[in-house]
């Protein structure tokens, strides 16, 4: 039986910074990826256990959300404004943001945003 992993993704148009943590908060992987679906899926498949992914709702969340869900990860869309209030840090970097997202997911403290399904997104 593989342990659960909590993955925070700080998503940008051209790159993704990822931090993967165990339930006890130990970082097992920190990596910068391209923003392609294939790169994210390969990365998630390389991690052991059940993946619980958190990413902020932003201008490019949809394809990342779908790519992570396609490899059987549980994906949570994070409300960006509310997450900033909870995880406010004096030092803001992509790695810090990704780690904060992983911690929020690990602690089940994610302020969620609504993630409509693909059909609903196409109608919008």
Protein backbone atom coordinates (compact mmCIF):
# COMPACT_ATOMS: atom_id res chain seq x y z
CA UNK A 1 0.00 0.00 0.00
CA UNK A 2 1.40 3.35 -1.06
CA UNK A 3 0.98 6.42 1.11
CA UNK A 4 -0.96 9.49 0.06
CA UNK A 5 1.05 12.32 -1.46
CA UNK A 6 0.00 15.96 -1.44
CA UNK A 7 1.16 17.91 -4.47
CA UNK A 8 1.07 21.69 -4.73
CA UNK A 9 1.32 23.14 -8.22
CA UNK A 10 2.23 26.79 -8.80
CA UNK A 11 1.06 27.14 -12.40
CA UNK A 12 2.27 29.68 -14.96
CA UNK A 13 1.76 29.84 -18.71
CA UNK A 14 5.17 28.35 -19.51
CA UNK A 15 6.08 26.41 -16.37
CA UNK A 16 4.79 24.64 -13.28
CA UNK A 17 6.60 24.46 -9.96
CA UNK A 18 5.64 21.36 -8.01
CA UNK A 19 6.18 20.29 -4.41
CA UNK A 20 5.12 16.82 -3.26
CA UNK A 21 4.77 16.09 0.47
CA UNK A 22 3.88 13.13 2.62
CA UNK A 23 1.08 13.26 5.18
CA UNK A 24 3.60 14.13 7.91
CA UNK A 25 4.85 17.12 5.88
CA UNK A 26 8.11 15.69 4.56
CA UNK A 27 9.04 17.02 1.11
CA UNK A 28 9.78 14.10 -1.20
CA UNK A 29 10.01 16.00 -4.48
CA UNK A 30 10.45 19.57 -5.66
CA UNK A 31 10.59 20.18 -9.39
CA UNK A 32 10.03 22.73 -12.16
CA UNK A 33 8.14 21.33 -15.16
CA UNK A 34 7.06 22.65 -18.51
CA UNK A 35 3.39 23.52 -18.61
CA UNK A 36 2.55 20.75 -21.07
CA UNK A 37 -0.03 18.16 -20.13
CA UNK A 38 2.38 15.35 -21.03
CA UNK A 39 5.12 16.66 -18.71
CA UNK A 40 2.69 16.98 -15.80
CA UNK A 41 1.22 13.53 -16.37
CA UNK A 42 4.66 11.92 -16.60
CA UNK A 43 5.68 13.68 -13.38
CA UNK A 44 2.55 12.60 -11.48
CA UNK A 45 2.89 9.00 -12.71
CA UNK A 46 6.49 8.95 -11.41
CA UNK A 47 5.32 9.71 -7.86
CA UNK A 48 4.28 6.80 -5.64
CA UNK A 49 0.92 6.46 -3.93
CA UNK A 50 -2.37 8.28 -4.30
CA UNK A 51 -1.86 11.86 -5.43
CA UNK A 52 -3.91 14.76 -4.04
CA UNK A 53 -3.17 17.81 -6.18
CA UNK A 54 -3.91 21.45 -5.36
CA UNK A 55 -3.61 24.31 -7.85
CA UNK A 56 -4.87 27.86 -7.81
CA UNK A 57 -7.64 28.98 -10.11
CA UNK A 58 -5.95 31.30 -12.58
CA UNK A 59 -5.95 32.01 -16.27
CA UNK A 60 -4.51 28.60 -17.28
CA UNK A 61 -5.89 26.15 -14.72
CA UNK A 62 -8.22 24.13 -16.95
CA UNK A 63 -5.78 22.03 -18.94
CA UNK A 64 -3.59 21.42 -15.87
CA UNK A 65 -6.64 20.33 -13.84
CA UNK A 66 -7.75 17.99 -16.64
CA UNK A 67 -4.25 16.56 -17.16
CA UNK A 68 -3.83 15.77 -13.47
CA UNK A 69 -7.31 14.24 -13.22
CA UNK A 70 -6.57 12.07 -16.28
CA UNK A 71 -3.86 10.20 -14.33
CA UNK A 72 -6.25 9.46 -11.46
CA UNK A 73 -5.05 12.25 -9.19
CA UNK A 74 -7.60 13.87 -6.90
CA UNK A 75 -7.49 17.50 -7.96
CA UNK A 76 -8.63 20.46 -5.88
CA UNK A 77 -9.00 23.92 -7.38
CA UNK A 78 -7.94 26.53 -4.84
CA UNK A 79 -9.58 29.94 -4.52
CA UNK A 80 -6.59 32.29 -5.11
CA UNK A 81 -7.69 35.21 -2.95
CA UNK A 82 -8.67 33.11 0.05
CA UNK A 83 -5.50 31.02 -0.19
CA UNK A 84 -3.41 34.18 -0.07
CA UNK A 85 -5.08 35.18 3.19
CA UNK A 86 -4.32 31.78 4.73
CA UNK A 87 -0.82 31.20 3.37
CA UNK A 88 0.49 34.75 3.34
CA UNK A 89 4.27 34.72 3.40
CA UNK A 90 6.79 37.51 3.55
CA UNK A 91 8.93 35.72 0.97
CA UNK A 92 6.92 34.96 -2.16
CA UNK A 93 8.50 32.59 -4.65
CA UNK A 94 7.09 29.87 -6.87
CA UNK A 95 8.56 27.19 -4.56
CA UNK A 96 7.04 28.79 -1.47
CA UNK A 97 3.64 29.07 -3.18
CA UNK A 98 3.75 25.42 -4.34
CA UNK A 99 4.72 24.27 -0.86
CA UNK A 100 1.91 26.34 0.71
CA UNK A 101 -0.60 24.74 -1.67
CA UNK A 102 0.69 21.25 -0.79
CA UNK A 103 0.38 22.06 2.92
CA UNK A 104 -3.15 23.44 2.56
CA UNK A 105 -4.18 20.23 0.76
CA UNK A 106 -2.32 18.03 3.25
CA UNK A 107 -4.03 19.73 6.19
CA UNK A 108 -7.43 19.65 4.47
CA UNK A 109 -7.56 23.46 4.76
CA UNK A 110 -8.02 24.33 1.10
CA UNK A 111 -10.37 27.21 0.32
CA UNK A 112 -11.87 25.65 -2.78
CA UNK A 113 -13.06 27.28 -5.95
CA UNK A 114 -15.73 25.79 -8.20
CA UNK A 115 -14.25 23.71 -11.02
CA UNK A 116 -16.91 23.23 -13.68
CA UNK A 117 -16.75 20.11 -15.81
CA UNK A 118 -15.47 20.26 -19.39
CA UNK A 119 -18.94 20.49 -20.95
CA UNK A 120 -19.87 23.44 -18.74
CA UNK A 121 -16.58 25.19 -19.51
CA UNK A 122 -17.21 24.80 -23.24
CA UNK A 123 -20.65 26.40 -22.86
CA UNK A 124 -19.11 29.39 -21.08
